[in-house]
PDB file of N, CA and C in Angstrom:
ATOM      1  N   UNK A   1       0.870  -1.204   0.022  1.00  0.00           N
ATOM      2  CA  UNK A   1      -0.010  -0.014   0.028  1.00  0.00           C
ATOM      3  C   UNK A   1       0.954   1.257   0.000  1.00  0.00           C
ATOM      4  N   UNK A   2       0.554   2.152  -0.793  1.00  0.00           N
ATOM      5  CA  UNK A   2       1.444   3.475  -0.960  1.00  0.00           C
ATOM      6  C   UNK A   2       1.051   4.362   0.258  1.00  0.00           C
ATOM      7  N   UNK A   3       2.035   4.987   0.733  1.00  0.00           N
ATOM      8  CA  UNK A   3       1.875   5.993   1.805  1.00  0.00           C
ATOM      9  C   UNK A   3       1.507   7.371   1.268  1.00  0.00           C
ATOM     10  N   UNK A   4       1.594   7.545  -0.071  1.00  0.00           N
ATOM     11  CA  UNK A   4       1.403   8.819  -0.673  1.00  0.00           C
ATOM     12  C   UNK A   4       0.027   9.458  -0.377  1.00  0.00           C
ATOM     13  N   UNK A   5      -1.039   8.685  -0.342  1.00  0.00           N
ATOM     14  CA  UNK A   5      -2.285   9.225  -0.104  1.00  0.00           C
ATOM     15  C   UNK A   5      -2.757   9.330   1.442  1.00  0.00           C
ATOM     16  N   UNK A   6      -1.950   8.725   2.204  1.00  0.00           N
ATOM     17  CA  UNK A   6      -2.317   8.703   3.716  1.00  0.00           C
ATOM     18  C   UNK A   6      -1.793   9.974   4.358  1.00  0.00           C
ATOM     19  N   UNK A   7      -2.548  10.571   5.227  1.00  0.00           N
ATOM     20  CA  UNK A   7      -2.083  11.683   6.079  1.00  0.00           C
ATOM     21  C   UNK A   7      -1.227  11.190   7.229  1.00  0.00           C
ATOM     22  N   UNK A   8      -0.186  11.892   7.578  1.00  0.00           N
ATOM     23  CA  UNK A   8       0.666  11.492   8.656  1.00  0.00           C
ATOM     24  C   UNK A   8      -0.017  11.997   9.960  1.00  0.00           C
ATOM     25  N   UNK A   9      -0.334  11.078  10.789  1.00  0.00           N
ATOM     26  CA  UNK A   9      -0.995  11.430  12.093  1.00  0.00           C
ATOM     27  C   UNK A   9      -0.212  11.229  13.265  1.00  0.00           C
ATOM     28  N   UNK A  10       1.142  11.125  13.016  1.00  0.00           N
ATOM     29  CA  UNK A  10       2.084  11.061  14.257  1.00  0.00           C
ATOM     30  C   UNK A  10       1.899  12.275  14.951  1.00  0.00           C
ATOM     31  N   UNK A  11       1.888  12.138  16.429  1.00  0.00           N
ATOM     32  CA  UNK A  11       1.799  13.246  17.273  1.00  0.00           C
ATOM     33  C   UNK A  11       2.933  14.343  17.070  1.00  0.00           C
ATOM     34  N   UNK A  12       4.054  13.885  16.562  1.00  0.00           N
ATOM     35  CA  UNK A  12       5.310  14.767  16.370  1.00  0.00           C
ATOM     36  C   UNK A  12       5.407  15.117  14.912  1.00  0.00           C
ATOM     37  N   UNK A  13       4.434  14.969  14.015  1.00  0.00           N
ATOM     38  CA  UNK A  13       4.678  15.370  12.612  1.00  0.00           C
ATOM     39  C   UNK A  13       4.998  16.869  12.474  1.00  0.00           C
ATOM     40  N   UNK A  14       5.917  17.205  11.699  1.00  0.00           N
ATOM     41  CA  UNK A  14       6.325  18.471  11.313  1.00  0.00           C
ATOM     42  C   UNK A  14       7.098  19.238  12.505  1.00  0.00           C
ATOM     43  N   UNK A  15       7.399  18.449  13.568  1.00  0.00           N
ATOM     44  CA  UNK A  15       8.099  19.061  14.696  1.00  0.00           C
ATOM     45  C   UNK A  15       9.439  18.277  14.872  1.00  0.00           C
ATOM     46  N   UNK A  16      10.528  19.103  14.996  1.00  0.00           N
ATOM     47  CA  UNK A  16      11.883  18.581  15.023  1.00  0.00           C
ATOM     48  C   UNK A  16      12.460  19.192  16.298  1.00  0.00           C
ATOM     49  N   UNK A  17      13.217  18.334  17.070  1.00  0.00           N
ATOM     50  CA  UNK A  17      13.979  18.723  18.335  1.00  0.00           C
ATOM     51  C   UNK A  17      15.265  19.312  17.788  1.00  0.00           C
ATOM     52  N   UNK A  18      15.570  20.455  18.306  1.00  0.00           N
ATOM     53  CA  UNK A  18      16.973  21.116  18.059  1.00  0.00           C
ATOM     54  C   UNK A  18      17.784  20.898  19.308  1.00  0.00           C
ATOM     55  N   UNK A  19      18.455  19.814  19.280  1.00  0.00           N
ATOM     56  CA  UNK A  19      19.198  19.284  20.405  1.00  0.00           C
ATOM     57  C   UNK A  19      20.018  20.245  21.171  1.00  0.00           C
ATOM     58  N   UNK A  20      20.834  21.026  20.404  1.00  0.00           N
ATOM     59  CA  UNK A  20      21.776  21.928  21.098  1.00  0.00           C
ATOM     60  C   UNK A  20      21.077  23.091  21.794  1.00  0.00           C
ATOM     61  N   UNK A  21      19.841  23.357  21.389  1.00  0.00           N
ATOM     62  CA  UNK A  21      19.063  24.482  22.052  1.00  0.00           C
ATOM     63  C   UNK A  21      18.001  23.899  23.000  1.00  0.00           C
ATOM     64  N   UNK A  22      17.706  22.631  22.850  1.00  0.00           N
ATOM     65  CA  UNK A  22      16.632  22.098  23.717  1.00  0.00           C
ATOM     66  C   UNK A  22      15.256  22.600  23.356  1.00  0.00           C
ATOM     67  N   UNK A  23      15.120  23.033  22.079  1.00  0.00           N
ATOM     68  CA  UNK A  23      13.832  23.571  21.594  1.00  0.00           C
ATOM     69  C   UNK A  23      13.234  22.732  20.499  1.00  0.00           C
ATOM     70  N   UNK A  24      12.077  23.101  20.126  1.00  0.00           N
ATOM     71  CA  UNK A  24      11.314  22.311  19.072  1.00  0.00           C
ATOM     72  C   UNK A  24      10.932  23.320  17.985  1.00  0.00           C
ATOM     73  N   UNK A  25      11.231  22.912  16.747  1.00  0.00           N
ATOM     74  CA  UNK A  25      11.009  23.707  15.618  1.00  0.00           C
ATOM     75  C   UNK A  25       9.852  23.118  14.809  1.00  0.00           C
ATOM     76  N   UNK A  26       8.889  23.932  14.363  1.00  0.00           N
ATOM     77  CA  UNK A  26       7.734  23.543  13.613  1.00  0.00           C
ATOM     78  C   UNK A  26       8.031  23.993  12.156  1.00  0.00           C
ATOM     79  N   UNK A  27       8.029  23.098  11.202  1.00  0.00           N
ATOM     80  CA  UNK A  27       8.167  23.321   9.810  1.00  0.00           C
ATOM     81  C   UNK A  27       7.272  22.566   8.974  1.00  0.00           C
ATOM     82  N   UNK A  28       7.019  22.989   7.889  1.00  0.00           N
ATOM     83  CA  UNK A  28       6.132  22.256   6.943  1.00  0.00           C
ATOM     84  C   UNK A  28       6.553  22.480   5.527  1.00  0.00           C
ATOM     85  N   UNK A  29       6.772  21.305   4.701  1.00  0.00           N
ATOM     86  CA  UNK A  29       7.134  21.431   3.330  1.00  0.00           C
ATOM     87  C   UNK A  29       5.917  21.602   2.465  1.00  0.00           C
ATOM     88  N   UNK A  30       5.839  22.726   1.763  1.00  0.00           N
ATOM     89  CA  UNK A  30       4.744  23.002   0.854  1.00  0.00           C
ATOM     90  C   UNK A  30       5.273  23.256  -0.470  1.00  0.00           C
ATOM     91  N   UNK A  31       4.903  22.554  -1.477  1.00  0.00           N
ATOM     92  CA  UNK A  31       5.309  22.662  -2.893  1.00  0.00           C
ATOM     93  C   UNK A  31       6.843  22.662  -3.017  1.00  0.00           C
ATOM     94  N   UNK A  32       7.527  21.726  -2.198  1.00  0.00           N
ATOM     95  CA  UNK A  32       8.935  21.546  -2.246  1.00  0.00           C
ATOM     96  C   UNK A  32       9.764  22.610  -1.531  1.00  0.00           C
ATOM     97  N   UNK A  33       9.094  23.501  -0.818  1.00  0.00           N
ATOM     98  CA  UNK A  33       9.800  24.534  -0.124  1.00  0.00           C
ATOM     99  C   UNK A  33       9.434  24.378   1.456  1.00  0.00           C
ATOM    100  N   UNK A  34      10.531  24.361   2.316  1.00  0.00           N
ATOM    101  CA  UNK A  34      10.291  24.280   3.708  1.00  0.00           C
ATOM    102  C   UNK A  34       9.954  25.570   4.235  1.00  0.00           C
ATOM    103  N   UNK A  35       8.834  25.663   4.964  1.00  0.00           N
ATOM    104  CA  UNK A  35       8.277  26.798   5.595  1.00  0.00           C
ATOM    105  C   UNK A  35       8.463  26.749   7.056  1.00  0.00           C
ATOM    106  N   UNK A  36       8.869  27.865   7.703  1.00  0.00           N
ATOM    107  CA  UNK A  36       9.262  27.904   9.108  1.00  0.00           C
ATOM    108  C   UNK A  36       8.066  28.456   9.861  1.00  0.00           C
ATOM    109  N   UNK A  37       7.559  27.792  10.950  1.00  0.00           N
ATOM    110  CA  UNK A  37       6.372  28.149  11.663  1.00  0.00           C
ATOM    111  C   UNK A  37       6.633  28.530  13.169  1.00  0.00           C
ATOM    112  N   UNK A  38       7.886  28.454  13.481  1.00  0.00           N
ATOM    113  CA  UNK A  38       8.216  28.845  14.921  1.00  0.00           C
ATOM    114  C   UNK A  38       9.036  27.864  15.677  1.00  0.00           C
ATOM    115  N   UNK A  39       9.569  28.350  16.726  1.00  0.00           N
ATOM    116  CA  UNK A  39      10.499  27.577  17.607  1.00  0.00           C
ATOM    117  C   UNK A  39       9.962  27.706  18.982  1.00  0.00           C
ATOM    118  N   UNK A  40       9.848  26.629  19.789  1.00  0.00           N
ATOM    119  CA  UNK A  40       9.219  26.517  20.966  1.00  0.00           C
ATOM    120  C   UNK A  40      10.077  25.900  22.103  1.00  0.00           C
ATOM    121  N   UNK A  41       9.801  26.318  23.286  1.00  0.00           N
ATOM    122  CA  UNK A  41      10.625  25.783  24.506  1.00  0.00           C
ATOM    123  C   UNK A  41      10.113  24.415  24.877  1.00  0.00           C
ATOM    124  N   UNK A  42       9.002  24.036  24.606  1.00  0.00           N
ATOM    125  CA  UNK A  42       8.530  22.713  24.917  1.00  0.00           C
ATOM    126  C   UNK A  42       7.605  22.115  23.860  1.00  0.00           C
ATOM    127  N   UNK A  43       7.488  20.779  23.918  1.00  0.00           N
ATOM    128  CA  UNK A  43       6.756  20.006  22.877  1.00  0.00           C
ATOM    129  C   UNK A  43       5.312  20.327  22.951  1.00  0.00           C
ATOM    130  N   UNK A  44       4.750  20.672  24.063  1.00  0.00           N
ATOM    131  CA  UNK A  44       3.286  20.919  24.219  1.00  0.00           C
ATOM    132  C   UNK A  44       2.985  22.283  23.301  1.00  0.00           C
ATOM    133  N   UNK A  45       3.707  23.313  23.400  1.00  0.00           N
ATOM    134  CA  UNK A  45       3.506  24.520  22.700  1.00  0.00           C
ATOM    135  C   UNK A  45       3.641  24.248  21.195  1.00  0.00           C
ATOM    136  N   UNK A  46       4.617  23.383  20.857  1.00  0.00           N
ATOM    137  CA  UNK A  46       4.828  23.151  19.404  1.00  0.00           C
ATOM    138  C   UNK A  46       3.641  22.337  18.880  1.00  0.00           C
ATOM    139  N   UNK A  47       3.142  21.370  19.666  1.00  0.00           N
ATOM    140  CA  UNK A  47       1.930  20.570  19.148  1.00  0.00           C
ATOM    141  C   UNK A  47       0.735  21.500  19.045  1.00  0.00           C
ATOM    142  N   UNK A  48       0.515  22.337  20.025  1.00  0.00           N
ATOM    143  CA  UNK A  48      -0.619  23.304  19.999  1.00  0.00           C
ATOM    144  C   UNK A  48      -0.600  24.113  18.671  1.00  0.00           C
ATOM    145  N   UNK A  49       0.652  24.739  18.451  1.00  0.00           N
ATOM    146  CA  UNK A  49       0.739  25.571  17.361  1.00  0.00           C
ATOM    147  C   UNK A  49       0.614  24.767  16.035  1.00  0.00           C
ATOM    148  N   UNK A  50       1.129  23.538  15.922  1.00  0.00           N
ATOM    149  CA  UNK A  50       0.991  22.716  14.822  1.00  0.00           C
ATOM    150  C   UNK A  50      -0.484  22.479  14.463  1.00  0.00           C
ATOM    151  N   UNK A  51      -1.265  22.151  15.498  1.00  0.00           N
ATOM    152  CA  UNK A  51      -2.618  21.787  15.302  1.00  0.00           C
ATOM    153  C   UNK A  51      -3.452  23.086  14.881  1.00  0.00           C
ATOM    154  N   UNK A  52      -3.031  24.139  15.340  1.00  0.00           N
ATOM    155  CA  UNK A  52      -3.740  25.459  14.963  1.00  0.00           C
ATOM    156  C   UNK A  52      -3.320  25.748  13.484  1.00  0.00           C
ATOM    157  N   UNK A  53      -2.059  25.594  13.123  1.00  0.00           N
ATOM    158  CA  UNK A  53      -1.679  25.755  11.750  1.00  0.00           C
ATOM    159  C   UNK A  53      -2.309  24.872  10.780  1.00  0.00           C
ATOM    160  N   UNK A  54      -2.455  23.537  11.218  1.00  0.00           N
ATOM    161  CA  UNK A  54      -3.208  22.585  10.408  1.00  0.00           C
ATOM    162  C   UNK A  54      -4.734  23.024  10.091  1.00  0.00           C
ATOM    163  N   UNK A  55      -5.308  23.546  11.192  1.00  0.00           N
ATOM    164  CA  UNK A  55      -6.589  23.985  11.122  1.00  0.00           C
ATOM    165  C   UNK A  55      -6.793  25.096  10.032  1.00  0.00           C
ATOM    166  N   UNK A  56      -5.730  25.953   9.993  1.00  0.00           N
ATOM    167  CA  UNK A  56      -5.771  27.157   9.112  1.00  0.00           C
ATOM    168  C   UNK A  56      -5.007  26.741   7.751  1.00  0.00           C
ATOM    169  N   UNK A  57      -4.869  25.522   7.486  1.00  0.00           N
ATOM    170  CA  UNK A  57      -4.262  25.080   6.250  1.00  0.00           C
ATOM    171  C   UNK A  57      -2.854  25.642   6.036  1.00  0.00           C
ATOM    172  N   UNK A  58      -2.122  25.845   7.151  1.00  0.00           N
ATOM    173  CA  UNK A  58      -0.764  26.363   7.137  1.00  0.00           C
ATOM    174  C   UNK A  58      -0.634  27.702   6.366  1.00  0.00           C
ATOM    175  N   UNK A  59      -1.633  28.556   6.463  1.00  0.00           N
ATOM    176  CA  UNK A  59      -1.560  29.811   5.763  1.00  0.00           C
ATOM    177  C   UNK A  59      -0.982  30.997   6.552  1.00  0.00           C
ATOM    178  N   UNK A  60      -0.981  30.961   7.817  1.00  0.00           N
ATOM    179  CA  UNK A  60      -0.857  32.117   8.585  1.00  0.00           C
ATOM    180  C   UNK A  60       0.545  32.391   9.406  1.00  0.00           C
ATOM    181  N   UNK A  61       1.250  31.274   9.646  1.00  0.00           N
ATOM    182  CA  UNK A  61       2.489  31.430  10.446  1.00  0.00           C
ATOM    183  C   UNK A  61       2.227  32.147  11.636  1.00  0.00           C
ATOM    184  N   UNK A  62       1.195  31.713  12.468  1.00  0.00           N
ATOM    185  CA  UNK A  62       0.718  32.502  13.532  1.00  0.00           C
ATOM    186  C   UNK A  62       1.860  32.759  14.573  1.00  0.00           C
ATOM    187  N   UNK A  63       2.623  31.661  14.893  1.00  0.00           N
ATOM    188  CA  UNK A  63       3.634  31.911  15.967  1.00  0.00           C
ATOM    189  C   UNK A  63       4.694  32.903  15.514  1.00  0.00           C
ATOM    190  N   UNK A  64       5.108  32.791  14.335  1.00  0.00           N
ATOM    191  CA  UNK A  64       6.101  33.756  13.737  1.00  0.00           C
ATOM    192  C   UNK A  64       5.508  35.239  13.753  1.00  0.00           C
ATOM    193  N   UNK A  65       4.212  35.329  13.549  1.00  0.00           N
ATOM    194  CA  UNK A  65       3.618  36.606  13.419  1.00  0.00           C
ATOM    195  C   UNK A  65       3.050  37.169  14.635  1.00  0.00           C
ATOM    196  N   UNK A  66       2.245  36.432  15.303  1.00  0.00           N
ATOM    197  CA  UNK A  66       1.565  36.999  16.598  1.00  0.00           C
ATOM    198  C   UNK A  66       1.163  36.094  17.671  1.00  0.00           C
ATOM    199  N   UNK A  67       1.719  34.880  17.737  1.00  0.00           N
ATOM    200  CA  UNK A  67       1.349  33.946  18.808  1.00  0.00           C
ATOM    201  C   UNK A  67       1.953  34.344  20.091  1.00  0.00           C
ATOM    202  N   UNK A  68       1.096  34.303  21.171  1.00  0.00           N
ATOM    203  CA  UNK A  68       1.636  34.742  22.492  1.00  0.00           C
ATOM    204  C   UNK A  68       1.441  33.579  23.438  1.00  0.00           C
ATOM    205  N   UNK A  69       2.574  32.888  23.896  1.00  0.00           N
ATOM    206  CA  UNK A  69       2.470  31.822  24.798  1.00  0.00           C
ATOM    207  C   UNK A  69       1.807  32.142  26.134  1.00  0.00           C
ATOM    208  N   UNK A  70       1.698  33.336  26.494  1.00  0.00           N
ATOM    209  CA  UNK A  70       1.035  33.749  27.690  1.00  0.00           C
ATOM    210  C   UNK A  70      -0.434  33.475  27.642  1.00  0.00           C
ATOM    211  N   UNK A  71      -0.989  33.338  26.373  1.00  0.00           N
ATOM    212  CA  UNK A  71      -2.385  33.148  26.171  1.00  0.00           C
ATOM    213  C   UNK A  71      -2.574  31.859  25.303  1.00  0.00           C
ATOM    214  N   UNK A  72      -2.234  30.792  25.820  1.00  0.00           N
ATOM    215  CA  UNK A  72      -2.387  29.529  25.045  1.00  0.00           C
ATOM    216  C   UNK A  72      -3.902  29.194  24.702  1.00  0.00           C
ATOM    217  N   UNK A  73      -3.983  28.787  23.507  1.00  0.00           N
ATOM    218  CA  UNK A  73      -5.279  28.466  22.773  1.00  0.00           C
ATOM    219  C   UNK A  73      -5.990  29.631  22.174  1.00  0.00           C
ATOM    220  N   UNK A  74      -5.371  30.850  22.336  1.00  0.00           N
ATOM    221  CA  UNK A  74      -5.905  32.065  21.830  1.00  0.00           C
ATOM    222  C   UNK A  74      -4.994  32.703  20.765  1.00  0.00           C
ATOM    223  N   UNK A  75      -5.593  33.000  19.575  1.00  0.00           N
ATOM    224  CA  UNK A  75      -4.776  33.604  18.547  1.00  0.00           C
ATOM    225  C   UNK A  75      -5.513  34.965  18.213  1.00  0.00           C
ATOM    226  N   UNK A  76      -4.651  35.962  18.009  1.00  0.00           N
ATOM    227  CA  UNK A  76      -5.262  37.220  17.556  1.00  0.00           C
ATOM    228  C   UNK A  76      -5.134  37.283  16.051  1.00  0.00           C
ATOM    229  N   UNK A  77      -6.217  37.334  15.317  1.00  0.00           N
ATOM    230  CA  UNK A  77      -6.275  37.414  13.855  1.00  0.00           C
ATOM    231  C   UNK A  77      -7.166  38.596  13.550  1.00  0.00           C
ATOM    232  N   UNK A  78      -6.431  39.558  12.953  1.00  0.00           N
ATOM    233  CA  UNK A  78      -7.094  40.914  12.690  1.00  0.00           C
ATOM    234  C   UNK A  78      -7.373  41.605  14.062  1.00  0.00           C
ATOM    235  N   UNK A  79      -8.646  41.985  14.300  1.00  0.00           N
ATOM    236  CA  UNK A  79      -8.946  42.557  15.480  1.00  0.00           C
ATOM    237  C   UNK A  79      -9.648  41.605  16.476  1.00  0.00           C
ATOM    238  N   UNK A  80      -9.787  40.267  16.132  1.00  0.00           N
ATOM    239  CA  UNK A  80     -10.561  39.408  17.004  1.00  0.00           C
ATOM    240  C   UNK A  80      -9.598  38.440  17.586  1.00  0.00           C
ATOM    241  N   UNK A  81      -9.981  37.859  18.663  1.00  0.00           N
ATOM    242  CA  UNK A  81      -9.322  36.864  19.395  1.00  0.00           C
ATOM    243  C   UNK A  81      -9.962  35.450  19.207  1.00  0.00           C
ATOM    244  N   UNK A  82      -9.327  34.560  18.574  1.00  0.00           N
ATOM    245  CA  UNK A  82      -9.949  33.252  18.293  1.00  0.00           C
ATOM    246  C   UNK A  82      -9.398  32.194  19.235  1.00  0.00           C
ATOM    247  N   UNK A  83     -10.361  31.236  19.639  1.00  0.00           N
ATOM    248  CA  UNK A  83      -9.944  30.159  20.579  1.00  0.00           C
ATOM    249  C   UNK A  83      -9.896  28.833  19.765  1.00  0.00           C
ATOM    250  N   UNK A  84      -8.782  28.155  19.912  1.00  0.00           N
ATOM    251  CA  UNK A  84      -8.568  26.812  19.120  1.00  0.00           C
ATOM    252  C   UNK A  84      -8.096  25.812  20.163  1.00  0.00           C
ATOM    253  N   UNK A  85      -8.420  24.627  19.839  1.00  0.00           N
ATOM    254  CA  UNK A  85      -7.871  23.453  20.613  1.00  0.00           C
ATOM    255  C   UNK A  85      -7.762  22.164  19.707  1.00  0.00           C
ATOM    256  N   UNK A  86      -6.672  21.690  19.432  1.00  0.00           N
ATOM    257  CA  UNK A  86      -6.456  20.423  18.635  1.00  0.00           C
ATOM    258  C   UNK A  86      -7.355  20.408  17.439  1.00  0.00           C
ATOM    259  N   UNK A  87      -7.036  21.212  16.460  1.00  0.00           N
ATOM    260  CA  UNK A  87      -7.806  21.230  15.119  1.00  0.00           C
ATOM    261  C   UNK A  87      -9.311  21.534  15.166  1.00  0.00           C
ATOM    262  N   UNK A  88      -9.684  22.138  16.364  1.00  0.00           N
ATOM    263  CA  UNK A  88     -11.140  22.489  16.385  1.00  0.00           C
ATOM    264  C   UNK A  88     -11.123  23.974  16.978  1.00  0.00           C
ATOM    265  N   UNK A  89     -12.164  24.681  16.272  1.00  0.00           N
ATOM    266  CA  UNK A  89     -12.406  26.087  16.570  1.00  0.00           C
ATOM    267  C   UNK A  89     -13.518  26.237  17.501  1.00  0.00           C
ATOM    268  N   UNK A  90     -13.267  27.080  18.595  1.00  0.00           N
ATOM    269  CA  UNK A  90     -14.155  27.241  19.748  1.00  0.00           C
ATOM    270  C   UNK A  90     -14.825  28.647  19.687  1.00  0.00           C
ATOM    271  N   UNK A  91     -14.536  29.485  18.749  1.00  0.00           N
ATOM    272  CA  UNK A  91     -15.173  30.713  18.775  1.00  0.00           C
ATOM    273  C   UNK A  91     -14.157  31.987  18.829  1.00  0.00           C
ATOM    274  N   UNK A  92     -14.777  33.144  18.726  1.00  0.00           N
ATOM    275  CA  UNK A  92     -13.945  34.346  18.845  1.00  0.00           C
ATOM    276  C   UNK A  92     -14.529  35.455  19.678  1.00  0.00           C
ATOM    277  N   UNK A  93     -13.677  36.323  20.070  1.00  0.00           N
ATOM    278  CA  UNK A  93     -14.193  37.465  20.962  1.00  0.00           C
ATOM    279  C   UNK A  93     -13.521  38.677  20.418  1.00  0.00           C
ATOM    280  N   UNK A  94     -14.122  39.843  20.725  1.00  0.00           N
ATOM    281  CA  UNK A  94     -13.530  41.237  20.421  1.00  0.00           C
ATOM    282  C   UNK A  94     -12.423  41.560  21.425  1.00  0.00           C
ATOM    283  N   UNK A  95     -12.598  41.118  22.702  1.00  0.00           N
ATOM    284  CA  UNK A  95     -11.642  41.489  23.652  1.00  0.00           C
ATOM    285  C   UNK A  95     -10.827  40.215  24.160  1.00  0.00           C
ATOM    286  N   UNK A  96      -9.525  40.481  24.471  1.00  0.00           N
ATOM    287  CA  UNK A  96      -8.608  39.340  24.991  1.00  0.00           C
ATOM    288  C   UNK A  96      -9.237  38.813  26.281  1.00  0.00           C
ATOM    289  N   UNK A  97      -9.787  39.757  27.133  1.00  0.00           N
ATOM    290  CA  UNK A  97     -10.181  39.259  28.458  1.00  0.00           C
ATOM    291  C   UNK A  97     -11.466  38.318  28.231  1.00  0.00           C
ATOM    292  N   UNK A  98     -12.375  38.615  27.275  1.00  0.00           N
ATOM    293  CA  UNK A  98     -13.431  37.702  26.992  1.00  0.00           C
ATOM    294  C   UNK A  98     -13.059  36.368  26.399  1.00  0.00           C
ATOM    295  N   UNK A  99     -12.024  36.397  25.577  1.00  0.00           N
ATOM    296  CA  UNK A  99     -11.418  35.272  24.939  1.00  0.00           C
ATOM    297  C   UNK A  99     -10.910  34.334  25.985  1.00  0.00           C
ATOM    298  N   UNK A 100     -10.104  34.942  27.012  1.00  0.00           N
ATOM    299  CA  UNK A 100      -9.588  34.129  28.107  1.00  0.00           C
ATOM    300  C   UNK A 100     -10.546  33.557  28.939  1.00  0.00           C
ATOM    301  N   UNK A 101     -11.684  34.241  29.186  1.00  0.00           N
ATOM    302  CA  UNK A 101     -12.791  33.688  30.007  1.00  0.00           C
ATOM    303  C   UNK A 101     -13.492  32.516  29.257  1.00  0.00           C
ATOM    304  N   UNK A 102     -13.790  32.659  27.992  1.00  0.00           N
ATOM    305  CA  UNK A 102     -14.280  31.603  27.167  1.00  0.00           C
ATOM    306  C   UNK A 102     -13.320  30.389  27.155  1.00  0.00           C
ATOM    307  N   UNK A 103     -12.099  30.663  26.965  1.00  0.00           N
ATOM    308  CA  UNK A 103     -11.111  29.549  26.873  1.00  0.00           C
ATOM    309  C   UNK A 103     -11.072  28.830  28.266  1.00  0.00           C
ATOM    310  N   UNK A 104     -11.116  29.549  29.393  1.00  0.00           N
ATOM    311  CA  UNK A 104     -11.178  28.924  30.612  1.00  0.00           C
ATOM    312  C   UNK A 104     -12.355  28.055  30.767  1.00  0.00           C
ATOM    313  N   UNK A 105     -13.537  28.444  30.300  1.00  0.00           N
ATOM    314  CA  UNK A 105     -14.696  27.617  30.374  1.00  0.00           C
ATOM    315  C   UNK A 105     -14.469  26.325  29.589  1.00  0.00           C
ATOM    316  N   UNK A 106     -13.887  26.567  28.353  1.00  0.00           N
ATOM    317  CA  UNK A 106     -13.538  25.370  27.497  1.00  0.00           C
ATOM    318  C   UNK A 106     -12.677  24.360  28.285  1.00  0.00           C
ATOM    319  N   UNK A 107     -11.666  24.849  28.899  1.00  0.00           N
ATOM    320  CA  UNK A 107     -10.660  24.031  29.655  1.00  0.00           C
ATOM    321  C   UNK A 107     -11.453  23.361  30.752  1.00  0.00           C
ATOM    322  N   UNK A 108     -12.329  24.135  31.493  1.00  0.00           N
ATOM    323  CA  UNK A 108     -13.069  23.588  32.720  1.00  0.00           C
ATOM    324  C   UNK A 108     -13.932  22.470  32.182  1.00  0.00           C
ATOM    325  N   UNK A 109     -14.472  22.595  30.973  1.00  0.00           N
ATOM    326  CA  UNK A 109     -15.389  21.585  30.388  1.00  0.00           C
ATOM    327  C   UNK A 109     -14.649  20.480  29.571  1.00  0.00           C
ATOM    328  N   UNK A 110     -13.349  20.439  29.662  1.00  0.00           N
ATOM    329  CA  UNK A 110     -12.507  19.547  28.907  1.00  0.00           C
ATOM    330  C   UNK A 110     -12.733  19.558  27.469  1.00  0.00           C
ATOM    331  N   UNK A 111     -12.991  20.716  26.942  1.00  0.00           N
ATOM    332  CA  UNK A 111     -13.144  21.031  25.477  1.00  0.00           C
ATOM    333  C   UNK A 111     -14.276  20.161  24.881  1.00  0.00           C
ATOM    334  N   UNK A 112     -15.216  19.851  25.716  1.00  0.00           N
ATOM    335  CA  UNK A 112     -16.420  19.035  25.278  1.00  0.00           C
ATOM    336  C   UNK A 112     -17.554  20.012  24.937  1.00  0.00           C
ATOM    337  N   UNK A 113     -17.992  20.101  23.679  1.00  0.00           N
ATOM    338  CA  UNK A 113     -19.064  20.916  23.308  1.00  0.00           C
ATOM    339  C   UNK A 113     -20.317  20.876  24.069  1.00  0.00           C
ATOM    340  N   UNK A 114     -20.816  19.661  24.315  1.00  0.00           N
ATOM    341  CA  UNK A 114     -22.027  19.497  25.130  1.00  0.00           C
ATOM    342  C   UNK A 114     -21.907  20.117  26.449  1.00  0.00           C
ATOM    343  N   UNK A 115     -20.811  19.845  27.136  1.00  0.00           N
ATOM    344  CA  UNK A 115     -20.559  20.382  28.471  1.00  0.00           C
ATOM    345  C   UNK A 115     -20.383  21.979  28.408  1.00  0.00           C
ATOM    346  N   UNK A 116     -19.792  22.456  27.448  1.00  0.00           N
ATOM    347  CA  UNK A 116     -19.645  23.881  27.160  1.00  0.00           C
ATOM    348  C   UNK A 116     -20.961  24.566  27.020  1.00  0.00           C
ATOM    349  N   UNK A 117     -21.839  24.032  26.161  1.00  0.00           N
ATOM    350  CA  UNK A 117     -23.171  24.500  25.972  1.00  0.00           C
ATOM    351  C   UNK A 117     -24.052  24.404  27.259  1.00  0.00           C
ATOM    352  N   UNK A 118     -23.916  23.314  27.933  1.00  0.00           N
ATOM    353  CA  UNK A 118     -24.585  23.169  29.278  1.00  0.00           C
ATOM    354  C   UNK A 118     -24.079  24.250  30.240  1.00  0.00           C
ATOM    355  N   UNK A 119     -22.733  24.413  30.336  1.00  0.00           N
ATOM    356  CA  UNK A 119     -22.191  25.416  31.226  1.00  0.00           C
ATOM    357  C   UNK A 119     -22.724  26.795  30.919  1.00  0.00           C
ATOM    358  N   UNK A 120     -22.845  27.162  29.660  1.00  0.00           N
ATOM    359  CA  UNK A 120     -23.285  28.507  29.136  1.00  0.00           C
ATOM    360  C   UNK A 120     -24.771  28.638  29.578  1.00  0.00           C
ATOM    361  N   UNK A 121     -25.535  27.588  29.461  1.00  0.00           N
ATOM    362  CA  UNK A 121     -26.956  27.650  29.708  1.00  0.00           C
ATOM    363  C   UNK A 121     -27.184  27.763  31.230  1.00  0.00           C
ATOM    364  N   UNK A 122     -26.289  27.155  32.177  1.00  0.00           N
ATOM    365  CA  UNK A 122     -26.474  27.321  33.560  1.00  0.00           C
ATOM    366  C   UNK A 122     -26.025  28.672  34.037  1.00  0.00           C
ATOM    367  N   UNK A 123     -24.994  29.334  33.362  1.00  0.00           N
ATOM    368  CA  UNK A 123     -24.374  30.556  33.752  1.00  0.00           C
ATOM    369  C   UNK A 123     -25.209  31.679  33.328  1.00  0.00           C
TER     370      UNK A 123
END
């Protein structure tokens, strides 16, 4: 069976360890050209950023442009703050504080849509 048509679902796909720095580099080869998407201090940040870039079809280079590790799962795109977790979009807010509150609810509900909706209805 050819691997050409299968998507690589390895948890470390597109992530390489830079041994001498102890950091992780996120890259993606597109049309024969290697594109750089950021360098991270830990594997968790690299995986989160990779998942977000995959969700956006590798178009934005968010970490290189405007990713802020102080606000994980939140990306500023234009004037809005978008909430992402593992290839899934959870909404956007006009203010960072509102996005942080929404993200915290998502985390509290373990990123489960049914629990998030239930939480919103109770609140």
